[in-house]
């Protein structure tokens, strides 16, 4: 099963949340609808600003765990490499 590691935020340079999922589109919709109470709902993190896809979900889980140990500056640099203007990448998933 394939997997994705992703970062959502509430605004440019705002709160960051790192997650992993097998279905990125569905998961971002869950964040947007505040379907589950928790960190992302509390802080309004629903803007997809970075993601990577992996052929195997276990690789995605390993990457997520590693990224969660990074300091904030490294995470922001990672976002800037893919998405320097912090646009919402969710709209581009279906293109």
PDB file of N, CA and C in Angstrom:
ATOM      1  N   UNK A   1       0.839  -1.174   0.000  1.00  0.00           N
ATOM      2  CA  UNK A   1       0.000   0.000   0.000  1.00  0.00           C
ATOM      3  C   UNK A   1       0.886   1.241   0.000  1.00  0.00           C
ATOM      4  N   UNK A   2       0.549   2.194  -0.840  1.00  0.00           N
ATOM      5  CA  UNK A   2       1.285   3.451  -0.928  1.00  0.00           C
ATOM      6  C   UNK A   2       0.927   4.364   0.237  1.00  0.00           C
ATOM      7  N   UNK A   3       1.746   5.399   0.441  1.00  0.00           N
ATOM      8  CA  UNK A   3       1.478   6.336   1.523  1.00  0.00           C
ATOM      9  C   UNK A   3       2.026   7.712   1.234  1.00  0.00           C
ATOM     10  N   UNK A   4       1.563   8.673   2.013  1.00  0.00           N
ATOM     11  CA  UNK A   4       1.978  10.066   1.900  1.00  0.00           C
ATOM     12  C   UNK A   4       2.375  10.593   3.273  1.00  0.00           C
ATOM     13  N   UNK A   5       3.387  11.425   3.295  1.00  0.00           N
ATOM     14  CA  UNK A   5       3.707  12.238   4.456  1.00  0.00           C
ATOM     15  C   UNK A   5       3.343  13.655   4.044  1.00  0.00           C
ATOM     16  N   UNK A   6       2.746  14.418   4.955  1.00  0.00           N
ATOM     17  CA  UNK A   6       2.280  15.745   4.579  1.00  0.00           C
ATOM     18  C   UNK A   6       2.426  16.713   5.741  1.00  0.00           C
ATOM     19  N   UNK A   7       2.433  17.999   5.391  1.00  0.00           N
ATOM     20  CA  UNK A   7       2.420  19.069   6.390  1.00  0.00           C
ATOM     21  C   UNK A   7       1.245  19.976   6.073  1.00  0.00           C
ATOM     22  N   UNK A   8       0.438  20.249   7.091  1.00  0.00           N
ATOM     23  CA  UNK A   8      -0.637  21.234   6.987  1.00  0.00           C
ATOM     24  C   UNK A   8      -0.351  22.358   7.978  1.00  0.00           C
ATOM     25  N   UNK A   9      -0.912  23.515   7.697  1.00  0.00           N
ATOM     26  CA  UNK A   9      -0.733  24.685   8.545  1.00  0.00           C
ATOM     27  C   UNK A   9      -2.029  25.480   8.588  1.00  0.00           C
ATOM     28  N   UNK A  10      -2.081  26.450   9.468  1.00  0.00           N
ATOM     29  CA  UNK A  10      -3.250  27.316   9.546  1.00  0.00           C
ATOM     30  C   UNK A  10      -3.055  28.599   8.743  1.00  0.00           C
ATOM     31  N   UNK A  11      -1.809  28.960   8.451  1.00  0.00           N
ATOM     32  CA  UNK A  11      -1.487  30.158   7.674  1.00  0.00           C
ATOM     33  C   UNK A  11       0.007  30.111   7.346  1.00  0.00           C
ATOM     34  N   UNK A  12       0.470  30.923   6.399  1.00  0.00           N
ATOM     35  CA  UNK A  12       1.905  30.945   6.113  1.00  0.00           C
ATOM     36  C   UNK A  12       2.716  31.217   7.379  1.00  0.00           C
ATOM     37  N   UNK A  13       3.728  30.415   7.580  1.00  0.00           N
ATOM     38  CA  UNK A  13       4.603  30.496   8.756  1.00  0.00           C
ATOM     39  C   UNK A  13       3.850  30.327  10.067  1.00  0.00           C
ATOM     40  N   UNK A  14       2.723  29.623  10.028  1.00  0.00           N
ATOM     41  CA  UNK A  14       1.914  29.404  11.217  1.00  0.00           C
ATOM     42  C   UNK A  14       2.229  28.074  11.881  1.00  0.00           C
ATOM     43  N   UNK A  15       1.223  27.538  12.542  1.00  0.00           N
ATOM     44  CA  UNK A  15       1.333  26.250  13.231  1.00  0.00           C
ATOM     45  C   UNK A  15       1.528  25.151  12.191  1.00  0.00           C
ATOM     46  N   UNK A  16       2.433  24.214  12.460  1.00  0.00           N
ATOM     47  CA  UNK A  16       2.697  23.109  11.538  1.00  0.00           C
ATOM     48  C   UNK A  16       2.236  21.793  12.147  1.00  0.00           C
ATOM     49  N   UNK A  17       1.655  20.950  11.295  1.00  0.00           N
ATOM     50  CA  UNK A  17       1.280  19.598  11.705  1.00  0.00           C
ATOM     51  C   UNK A  17       1.789  18.639  10.642  1.00  0.00           C
ATOM     52  N   UNK A  18       2.476  17.590  11.061  1.00  0.00           N
ATOM     53  CA  UNK A  18       2.996  16.569  10.150  1.00  0.00           C
ATOM     54  C   UNK A  18       2.177  15.305  10.351  1.00  0.00           C
ATOM     55  N   UNK A  19       1.711  14.730   9.238  1.00  0.00           N
ATOM     56  CA  UNK A  19       0.929  13.509   9.318  1.00  0.00           C
ATOM     57  C   UNK A  19       1.301  12.529   8.222  1.00  0.00           C
ATOM     58  N   UNK A  20       0.688  11.350   8.294  1.00  0.00           N
ATOM     59  CA  UNK A  20       0.899  10.299   7.302  1.00  0.00           C
ATOM     60  C   UNK A  20      -0.457   9.688   6.986  1.00  0.00           C
ATOM     61  N   UNK A  21      -0.648   9.296   5.728  1.00  0.00           N
ATOM     62  CA  UNK A  21      -1.926   8.724   5.306  1.00  0.00           C
ATOM     63  C   UNK A  21      -1.737   7.898   4.041  1.00  0.00           C
ATOM     64  N   UNK A  22      -2.688   7.010   3.794  1.00  0.00           N
ATOM     65  CA  UNK A  22      -2.703   6.257   2.541  1.00  0.00           C
ATOM     66  C   UNK A  22      -3.539   6.984   1.484  1.00  0.00           C
ATOM     67  N   UNK A  23      -4.380   7.933   1.916  1.00  0.00           N
ATOM     68  CA  UNK A  23      -5.269   8.660   1.003  1.00  0.00           C
ATOM     69  C   UNK A  23      -5.184  10.151   1.327  1.00  0.00           C
ATOM     70  N   UNK A  24      -4.312  10.857   0.637  1.00  0.00           N
ATOM     71  CA  UNK A  24      -4.032  12.255   0.946  1.00  0.00           C
ATOM     72  C   UNK A  24      -5.260  13.142   0.739  1.00  0.00           C
ATOM     73  N   UNK A  25      -5.956  12.975  -0.350  1.00  0.00           N
ATOM     74  CA  UNK A  25      -7.125  13.821  -0.621  1.00  0.00           C
ATOM     75  C   UNK A  25      -8.179  13.679   0.487  1.00  0.00           C
ATOM     76  N   UNK A  26      -8.489  12.442   0.849  1.00  0.00           N
ATOM     77  CA  UNK A  26      -9.483  12.202   1.900  1.00  0.00           C
ATOM     78  C   UNK A  26      -9.026  12.795   3.229  1.00  0.00           C
ATOM     79  N   UNK A  27      -7.756  12.616   3.555  1.00  0.00           N
ATOM     80  CA  UNK A  27      -7.246  13.085   4.842  1.00  0.00           C
ATOM     81  C   UNK A  27      -7.299  14.606   4.946  1.00  0.00           C
ATOM     82  N   UNK A  28      -6.956  15.300   3.858  1.00  0.00           N
ATOM     83  CA  UNK A  28      -7.006  16.763   3.885  1.00  0.00           C
ATOM     84  C   UNK A  28      -8.450  17.226   4.009  1.00  0.00           C
ATOM     85  N   UNK A  29      -9.372  16.538   3.360  1.00  0.00           N
ATOM     86  CA  UNK A  29     -10.794  16.875   3.528  1.00  0.00           C
ATOM     87  C   UNK A  29     -11.228  16.699   4.984  1.00  0.00           C
ATOM     88  N   UNK A  30     -10.718  15.687   5.652  1.00  0.00           N
ATOM     89  CA  UNK A  30     -11.020  15.493   7.073  1.00  0.00           C
ATOM     90  C   UNK A  30     -10.490  16.660   7.907  1.00  0.00           C
ATOM     91  N   UNK A  31      -9.286  17.112   7.594  1.00  0.00           N
ATOM     92  CA  UNK A  31      -8.737  18.274   8.311  1.00  0.00           C
ATOM     93  C   UNK A  31      -9.606  19.507   8.065  1.00  0.00           C
ATOM     94  N   UNK A  32     -10.012  19.705   6.826  1.00  0.00           N
ATOM     95  CA  UNK A  32     -10.805  20.885   6.484  1.00  0.00           C
ATOM     96  C   UNK A  32     -12.176  20.884   7.140  1.00  0.00           C
ATOM     97  N   UNK A  33     -12.765  19.724   7.293  1.00  0.00           N
ATOM     98  CA  UNK A  33     -14.108  19.645   7.879  1.00  0.00           C
ATOM     99  C   UNK A  33     -14.060  19.514   9.399  1.00  0.00           C
ATOM    100  N   UNK A  34     -12.844  19.449   9.956  1.00  0.00           N
ATOM    101  CA  UNK A  34     -12.681  19.287  11.405  1.00  0.00           C
ATOM    102  C   UNK A  34     -13.397  18.024  11.885  1.00  0.00           C
ATOM    103  N   UNK A  35     -13.294  16.971  11.077  1.00  0.00           N
ATOM    104  CA  UNK A  35     -13.996  15.711  11.336  1.00  0.00           C
ATOM    105  C   UNK A  35     -13.579  15.063  12.648  1.00  0.00           C
ATOM    106  N   UNK A  36     -12.343  15.233  13.028  1.00  0.00           N
ATOM    107  CA  UNK A  36     -11.863  14.619  14.273  1.00  0.00           C
ATOM    108  C   UNK A  36     -11.331  15.714  15.203  1.00  0.00           C
ATOM    109  N   UNK A  37     -11.760  15.695  16.453  1.00  0.00           N
ATOM    110  CA  UNK A  37     -11.201  16.681  17.384  1.00  0.00           C
ATOM    111  C   UNK A  37      -9.728  16.384  17.610  1.00  0.00           C
ATOM    112  N   UNK A  38      -8.966  17.392  17.878  1.00  0.00           N
ATOM    113  CA  UNK A  38      -7.546  17.197  18.123  1.00  0.00           C
ATOM    114  C   UNK A  38      -6.751  18.415  17.720  1.00  0.00           C
ATOM    115  N   UNK A  39      -5.468  18.217  17.528  1.00  0.00           N
ATOM    116  CA  UNK A  39      -4.530  19.302  17.275  1.00  0.00           C
ATOM    117  C   UNK A  39      -4.923  20.135  16.058  1.00  0.00           C
ATOM    118  N   UNK A  40      -5.154  19.486  14.914  1.00  0.00           N
ATOM    119  CA  UNK A  40      -5.414  20.254  13.689  1.00  0.00           C
ATOM    120  C   UNK A  40      -6.734  21.003  13.760  1.00  0.00           C
ATOM    121  N   UNK A  41      -7.739  20.419  14.385  1.00  0.00           N
ATOM    122  CA  UNK A  41      -9.021  21.117  14.542  1.00  0.00           C
ATOM    123  C   UNK A  41      -8.859  22.302  15.500  1.00  0.00           C
ATOM    124  N   UNK A  42      -8.153  22.093  16.593  1.00  0.00           N
ATOM    125  CA  UNK A  42      -7.968  23.147  17.597  1.00  0.00           C
ATOM    126  C   UNK A  42      -7.233  24.351  17.007  1.00  0.00           C
ATOM    127  N   UNK A  43      -6.227  24.100  16.168  1.00  0.00           N
ATOM    128  CA  UNK A  43      -5.426  25.194  15.620  1.00  0.00           C
ATOM    129  C   UNK A  43      -5.803  25.578  14.185  1.00  0.00           C
ATOM    130  N   UNK A  44      -6.810  24.958  13.627  1.00  0.00           N
ATOM    131  CA  UNK A  44      -7.272  25.313  12.284  1.00  0.00           C
ATOM    132  C   UNK A  44      -6.291  24.961  11.185  1.00  0.00           C
ATOM    133  N   UNK A  45      -5.537  23.902  11.353  1.00  0.00           N
ATOM    134  CA  UNK A  45      -4.554  23.480  10.346  1.00  0.00           C
ATOM    135  C   UNK A  45      -5.269  22.708   9.234  1.00  0.00           C
ATOM    136  N   UNK A  46      -5.495  23.378   8.117  1.00  0.00           N
ATOM    137  CA  UNK A  46      -6.195  22.736   7.012  1.00  0.00           C
ATOM    138  C   UNK A  46      -5.617  23.100   5.647  1.00  0.00           C
ATOM    139  N   UNK A  47      -4.492  23.783   5.631  1.00  0.00           N
ATOM    140  CA  UNK A  47      -3.835  24.189   4.389  1.00  0.00           C
ATOM    141  C   UNK A  47      -2.668  23.243   4.123  1.00  0.00           C
ATOM    142  N   UNK A  48      -2.775  22.445   3.061  1.00  0.00           N
ATOM    143  CA  UNK A  48      -1.707  21.514   2.682  1.00  0.00           C
ATOM    144  C   UNK A  48      -0.579  22.312   2.030  1.00  0.00           C
ATOM    145  N   UNK A  49       0.602  22.312   2.664  1.00  0.00           N
ATOM    146  CA  UNK A  49       1.718  23.101   2.134  1.00  0.00           C
ATOM    147  C   UNK A  49       2.899  22.259   1.673  1.00  0.00           C
ATOM    148  N   UNK A  50       2.884  20.958   1.994  1.00  0.00           N
ATOM    149  CA  UNK A  50       3.999  20.093   1.586  1.00  0.00           C
ATOM    150  C   UNK A  50       3.549  18.641   1.682  1.00  0.00           C
ATOM    151  N   UNK A  51       4.048  17.811   0.765  1.00  0.00           N
ATOM    152  CA  UNK A  51       3.813  16.367   0.863  1.00  0.00           C
ATOM    153  C   UNK A  51       4.844  15.606   0.049  1.00  0.00           C
ATOM    154  N   UNK A  52       5.014  14.354   0.400  1.00  0.00           N
ATOM    155  CA  UNK A  52       5.842  13.404  -0.356  1.00  0.00           C
ATOM    156  C   UNK A  52       5.045  12.118  -0.462  1.00  0.00           C
ATOM    157  N   UNK A  53       5.188  11.433  -1.591  1.00  0.00           N
ATOM    158  CA  UNK A  53       4.513  10.140  -1.733  1.00  0.00           C
ATOM    159  C   UNK A  53       5.552   9.022  -1.710  1.00  0.00           C
ATOM    160  N   UNK A  54       5.121   7.873  -1.211  1.00  0.00           N
ATOM    161  CA  UNK A  54       5.979   6.697  -1.062  1.00  0.00           C
ATOM    162  C   UNK A  54       5.244   5.474  -1.588  1.00  0.00           C
ATOM    163  N   UNK A  55       5.952   4.577  -2.242  1.00  0.00           N
ATOM    164  CA  UNK A  55       5.301   3.370  -2.753  1.00  0.00           C
ATOM    165  C   UNK A  55       4.834   2.438  -1.636  1.00  0.00           C
ATOM    166  N   UNK A  56       5.434   2.566  -0.456  1.00  0.00           N
ATOM    167  CA  UNK A  56       5.072   1.706   0.672  1.00  0.00           C
ATOM    168  C   UNK A  56       4.779   2.569   1.898  1.00  0.00           C
ATOM    169  N   UNK A  57       3.643   2.362   2.532  1.00  0.00           N
ATOM    170  CA  UNK A  57       3.227   3.167   3.681  1.00  0.00           C
ATOM    171  C   UNK A  57       4.221   3.085   4.837  1.00  0.00           C
ATOM    172  N   UNK A  58       4.910   1.970   4.978  1.00  0.00           N
ATOM    173  CA  UNK A  58       5.877   1.858   6.078  1.00  0.00           C
ATOM    174  C   UNK A  58       7.028   2.849   5.890  1.00  0.00           C
ATOM    175  N   UNK A  59       7.416   3.121   4.639  1.00  0.00           N
ATOM    176  CA  UNK A  59       8.447   4.130   4.381  1.00  0.00           C
ATOM    177  C   UNK A  59       7.931   5.522   4.733  1.00  0.00           C
ATOM    178  N   UNK A  60       6.669   5.779   4.433  1.00  0.00           N
ATOM    179  CA  UNK A  60       6.058   7.066   4.771  1.00  0.00           C
ATOM    180  C   UNK A  60       6.010   7.254   6.285  1.00  0.00           C
ATOM    181  N   UNK A  61       5.686   6.211   7.014  1.00  0.00           N
ATOM    182  CA  UNK A  61       5.630   6.281   8.480  1.00  0.00           C
ATOM    183  C   UNK A  61       7.012   6.583   9.050  1.00  0.00           C
ATOM    184  N   UNK A  62       8.037   5.937   8.516  1.00  0.00           N
ATOM    185  CA  UNK A  62       9.417   6.196   8.968  1.00  0.00           C
ATOM    186  C   UNK A  62       9.797   7.657   8.728  1.00  0.00           C
ATOM    187  N   UNK A  63       9.461   8.162   7.547  1.00  0.00           N
ATOM    188  CA  UNK A  63       9.786   9.557   7.203  1.00  0.00           C
ATOM    189  C   UNK A  63       9.040  10.517   8.137  1.00  0.00           C
ATOM    190  N   UNK A  64       7.770  10.235   8.417  1.00  0.00           N
ATOM    191  CA  UNK A  64       6.993  11.084   9.319  1.00  0.00           C
ATOM    192  C   UNK A  64       7.658  11.146  10.694  1.00  0.00           C
ATOM    193  N   UNK A  65       8.048  10.007  11.224  1.00  0.00           N
ATOM    194  CA  UNK A  65       8.680   9.966  12.544  1.00  0.00           C
ATOM    195  C   UNK A  65       9.975  10.776  12.555  1.00  0.00           C
ATOM    196  N   UNK A  66      10.742  10.679  11.475  1.00  0.00           N
ATOM    197  CA  UNK A  66      11.991  11.431  11.378  1.00  0.00           C
ATOM    198  C   UNK A  66      11.723  12.939  11.327  1.00  0.00           C
ATOM    199  N   UNK A  67      10.750  13.339  10.492  1.00  0.00           N
ATOM    200  CA  UNK A  67      10.439  14.764  10.360  1.00  0.00           C
ATOM    201  C   UNK A  67       9.952  15.365  11.674  1.00  0.00           C
ATOM    202  N   UNK A  68       9.229  14.596  12.462  1.00  0.00           N
ATOM    203  CA  UNK A  68       8.716  15.111  13.731  1.00  0.00           C
ATOM    204  C   UNK A  68       9.830  15.417  14.726  1.00  0.00           C
ATOM    205  N   UNK A  69      11.032  14.877  14.498  1.00  0.00           N
ATOM    206  CA  UNK A  69      12.161  15.188  15.383  1.00  0.00           C
ATOM    207  C   UNK A  69      12.918  16.439  14.919  1.00  0.00           C
ATOM    208  N   UNK A  70      12.642  16.909  13.717  1.00  0.00           N
ATOM    209  CA  UNK A  70      13.336  18.069  13.172  1.00  0.00           C
ATOM    210  C   UNK A  70      12.934  19.339  13.913  1.00  0.00           C
ATOM    211  N   UNK A  71      13.833  20.322  13.904  1.00  0.00           N
ATOM    212  CA  UNK A  71      13.455  21.621  14.466  1.00  0.00           C
ATOM    213  C   UNK A  71      12.620  22.391  13.437  1.00  0.00           C
ATOM    214  N   UNK A  72      11.956  23.417  13.916  1.00  0.00           N
ATOM    215  CA  UNK A  72      11.026  24.177  13.076  1.00  0.00           C
ATOM    216  C   UNK A  72      11.709  24.774  11.836  1.00  0.00           C
ATOM    217  N   UNK A  73      12.906  25.296  11.983  1.00  0.00           N
ATOM    218  CA  UNK A  73      13.610  25.911  10.850  1.00  0.00           C
ATOM    219  C   UNK A  73      13.823  24.911   9.722  1.00  0.00           C
ATOM    220  N   UNK A  74      14.159  23.681  10.053  1.00  0.00           N
ATOM    221  CA  UNK A  74      14.367  22.653   9.028  1.00  0.00           C
ATOM    222  C   UNK A  74      13.048  22.336   8.319  1.00  0.00           C
ATOM    223  N   UNK A  75      11.958  22.267   9.075  1.00  0.00           N
ATOM    224  CA  UNK A  75      10.643  21.989   8.477  1.00  0.00           C
ATOM    225  C   UNK A  75      10.231  23.118   7.532  1.00  0.00           C
ATOM    226  N   UNK A  76      10.468  24.347   7.944  1.00  0.00           N
ATOM    227  CA  UNK A  76      10.129  25.489   7.087  1.00  0.00           C
ATOM    228  C   UNK A  76      10.970  25.482   5.825  1.00  0.00           C
ATOM    229  N   UNK A  77      12.234  25.149   5.947  1.00  0.00           N
ATOM    230  CA  UNK A  77      13.094  25.061   4.766  1.00  0.00           C
ATOM    231  C   UNK A  77      12.575  23.977   3.811  1.00  0.00           C
ATOM    232  N   UNK A  78      12.125  22.856   4.339  1.00  0.00           N
ATOM    233  CA  UNK A  78      11.556  21.785   3.524  1.00  0.00           C
ATOM    234  C   UNK A  78      10.324  22.280   2.761  1.00  0.00           C
ATOM    235  N   UNK A  79       9.464  23.013   3.444  1.00  0.00           N
ATOM    236  CA  UNK A  79       8.275  23.578   2.791  1.00  0.00           C
ATOM    237  C   UNK A  79       8.693  24.536   1.690  1.00  0.00           C
ATOM    238  N   UNK A  80       9.640  25.419   1.976  1.00  0.00           N
ATOM    239  CA  UNK A  80      10.080  26.412   0.992  1.00  0.00           C
ATOM    240  C   UNK A  80      10.672  25.773  -0.261  1.00  0.00           C
ATOM    241  N   UNK A  81      11.326  24.622  -0.118  1.00  0.00           N
ATOM    242  CA  UNK A  81      11.896  23.943  -1.284  1.00  0.00           C
ATOM    243  C   UNK A  81      10.805  23.508  -2.263  1.00  0.00           C
ATOM    244  N   UNK A  82       9.637  23.141  -1.753  1.00  0.00           N
ATOM    245  CA  UNK A  82       8.540  22.681  -2.607  1.00  0.00           C
ATOM    246  C   UNK A  82       7.531  23.787  -2.901  1.00  0.00           C
ATOM    247  N   UNK A  83       7.354  24.699  -1.943  1.00  0.00           N
ATOM    248  CA  UNK A  83       6.212  25.601  -1.994  1.00  0.00           C
ATOM    249  C   UNK A  83       6.578  26.918  -1.304  1.00  0.00           C
ATOM    250  N   UNK A  84       7.408  27.708  -1.941  1.00  0.00           N
ATOM    251  CA  UNK A  84       7.959  28.902  -1.296  1.00  0.00           C
ATOM    252  C   UNK A  84       6.920  29.958  -0.937  1.00  0.00           C
ATOM    253  N   UNK A  85       5.776  29.960  -1.604  1.00  0.00           N
ATOM    254  CA  UNK A  85       4.753  30.964  -1.263  1.00  0.00           C
ATOM    255  C   UNK A  85       3.634  30.393  -0.387  1.00  0.00           C
ATOM    256  N   UNK A  86       3.807  29.189   0.135  1.00  0.00           N
ATOM    257  CA  UNK A  86       2.872  28.568   1.079  1.00  0.00           C
ATOM    258  C   UNK A  86       1.450  28.463   0.524  1.00  0.00           C
ATOM    259  N   UNK A  87       1.315  28.278  -0.803  1.00  0.00           N
ATOM    260  CA  UNK A  87      -0.034  28.129  -1.354  1.00  0.00           C
ATOM    261  C   UNK A  87      -0.615  26.788  -0.909  1.00  0.00           C
ATOM    262  N   UNK A  88      -1.926  26.682  -0.961  1.00  0.00           N
ATOM    263  CA  UNK A  88      -2.606  25.451  -0.578  1.00  0.00           C
ATOM    264  C   UNK A  88      -2.509  24.455  -1.724  1.00  0.00           C
ATOM    265  N   UNK A  89      -1.747  23.395  -1.530  1.00  0.00           N
ATOM    266  CA  UNK A  89      -1.496  22.412  -2.594  1.00  0.00           C
ATOM    267  C   UNK A  89      -2.663  21.460  -2.806  1.00  0.00           C
ATOM    268  N   UNK A  90      -3.635  21.477  -1.915  1.00  0.00           N
ATOM    269  CA  UNK A  90      -4.775  20.591  -2.061  1.00  0.00           C
ATOM    270  C   UNK A  90      -5.475  20.804  -3.400  1.00  0.00           C
ATOM    271  N   UNK A  91      -5.583  22.058  -3.822  1.00  0.00           N
ATOM    272  CA  UNK A  91      -6.262  22.385  -5.079  1.00  0.00           C
ATOM    273  C   UNK A  91      -5.524  21.777  -6.277  1.00  0.00           C
ATOM    274  N   UNK A  92      -4.246  21.508  -6.140  1.00  0.00           N
ATOM    275  CA  UNK A  92      -3.446  20.979  -7.243  1.00  0.00           C
ATOM    276  C   UNK A  92      -3.428  19.452  -7.288  1.00  0.00           C
ATOM    277  N   UNK A  93      -3.948  18.792  -6.274  1.00  0.00           N
ATOM    278  CA  UNK A  93      -3.920  17.322  -6.234  1.00  0.00           C
ATOM    279  C   UNK A  93      -4.703  16.687  -7.376  1.00  0.00           C
ATOM    280  N   UNK A  94      -5.792  17.286  -7.763  1.00  0.00           N
ATOM    281  CA  UNK A  94      -6.670  16.701  -8.785  1.00  0.00           C
ATOM    282  C   UNK A  94      -6.357  17.167 -10.199  1.00  0.00           C
ATOM    283  N   UNK A  95      -5.325  17.931 -10.358  1.00  0.00           N
ATOM    284  CA  UNK A  95      -4.993  18.439 -11.706  1.00  0.00           C
ATOM    285  C   UNK A  95      -4.148  17.471 -12.468  1.00  0.00           C
TER     286      UNK A  95
END
